Amino acid sequence: MFFERIDAYTLTNLRLRLSNAEATWHVDLYVDNVFDEVAIGRVLSSPFGFDPTLSAPPRTIGMGFSMKP
């Protein structure tokens, strides 16, 4: 198996946490891969003609909530 050189890339992720003053609850908002960058993280070459690649996931937006008892 041979490794190939790939171009550099930058991924931008954002996180925001909102909570009350007592910190009994919080809401998390996030965006991963903000600019929806197509990024190849790894390319493997094989003598069999099969070249698997690993890429960054697409833009993902989400929210989480947590509360203390």
Protein backbone atom coordinates (compact mmCIF):
# COMPACT_ATOMS: atom_id res chain seq x y z
CA MET A 1 0.00 0.00 0.00
CA PHE A 2 1.35 3.45 -0.91
CA PHE A 3 0.43 6.84 0.53
CA GLU A 4 -0.30 9.80 -1.76
CA ARG A 5 0.11 13.49 -0.95
CA ILE A 6 -3.16 15.43 -0.66
CA ASP A 7 -3.93 19.17 -0.59
CA ALA A 8 -4.18 21.02 2.73
CA TYR A 9 -7.60 22.08 4.00
CA THR A 10 -9.20 23.87 6.95
CA LEU A 11 -12.38 22.84 8.72
CA THR A 12 -14.27 25.36 10.89
CA ASN A 13 -16.52 24.22 13.74
CA LEU A 14 -18.60 26.47 16.04
CA ARG A 15 -20.01 25.84 19.53
CA LEU A 16 -22.26 28.04 21.68
CA ARG A 17 -23.47 27.18 25.19
CA LEU A 18 -26.31 29.07 26.90
CA SER A 19 -27.05 28.44 30.57
CA ASN A 20 -28.86 30.01 33.52
CA ALA A 21 -26.97 31.78 36.32
CA GLU A 22 -27.20 28.75 38.65
CA ALA A 23 -25.92 26.43 35.90
CA THR A 24 -28.80 24.00 36.50
CA TRP A 25 -29.45 23.72 32.75
CA HIS A 26 -27.71 24.48 29.49
CA VAL A 27 -28.41 24.43 25.77
CA ASP A 28 -25.61 23.71 23.29
CA LEU A 29 -25.80 24.82 19.67
CA TYR A 30 -23.20 23.64 17.17
CA VAL A 31 -22.21 23.71 13.52
CA ASP A 32 -19.51 21.33 12.27
CA ASN A 33 -17.80 22.04 8.94
CA VAL A 34 -19.37 25.52 8.78
CA PHE A 35 -18.34 26.22 5.17
CA ASP A 36 -19.25 22.69 3.98
CA GLU A 37 -15.64 22.11 2.90
CA VAL A 38 -15.01 19.03 0.78
CA ALA A 39 -11.92 17.62 2.48
CA ILE A 40 -10.13 14.41 1.65
CA GLY A 41 -8.36 13.29 4.82
CA ARG A 42 -6.56 10.25 3.49
CA VAL A 43 -6.06 8.40 0.20
CA LEU A 44 -4.59 4.93 0.19
CA SER A 45 -3.25 3.43 -3.03
CA SER A 46 -3.04 -0.27 -3.62
CA PRO A 47 -1.59 -2.33 -6.44
CA PHE A 48 -5.07 -3.80 -7.03
CA GLY A 49 -6.61 -0.59 -8.43
CA PHE A 50 -8.78 0.02 -5.36
CA ASP A 51 -8.02 3.42 -3.77
CA PRO A 52 -10.10 3.94 -0.59
CA THR A 53 -10.45 7.54 0.63
CA LEU A 54 -11.57 9.03 3.93
CA SER A 55 -13.30 12.40 3.79
CA ALA A 56 -14.66 14.97 6.26
CA PRO A 57 -18.39 14.77 6.99
CA PRO A 58 -20.62 17.45 5.41
CA ARG A 59 -21.92 20.47 7.34
CA THR A 60 -23.81 19.31 10.43
CA ILE A 61 -26.02 21.54 12.57
CA GLY A 62 -27.35 20.46 15.95
CA MET A 63 -28.55 21.28 19.41
CA GLY A 64 -28.36 19.60 22.81
CA PHE A 65 -30.06 20.25 26.15
CA SER A 66 -29.03 19.16 29.62
CA MET A 67 -30.57 19.71 33.04
CA LYS A 68 -29.32 18.89 36.54
CA PRO A 69 -31.83 17.26 38.94
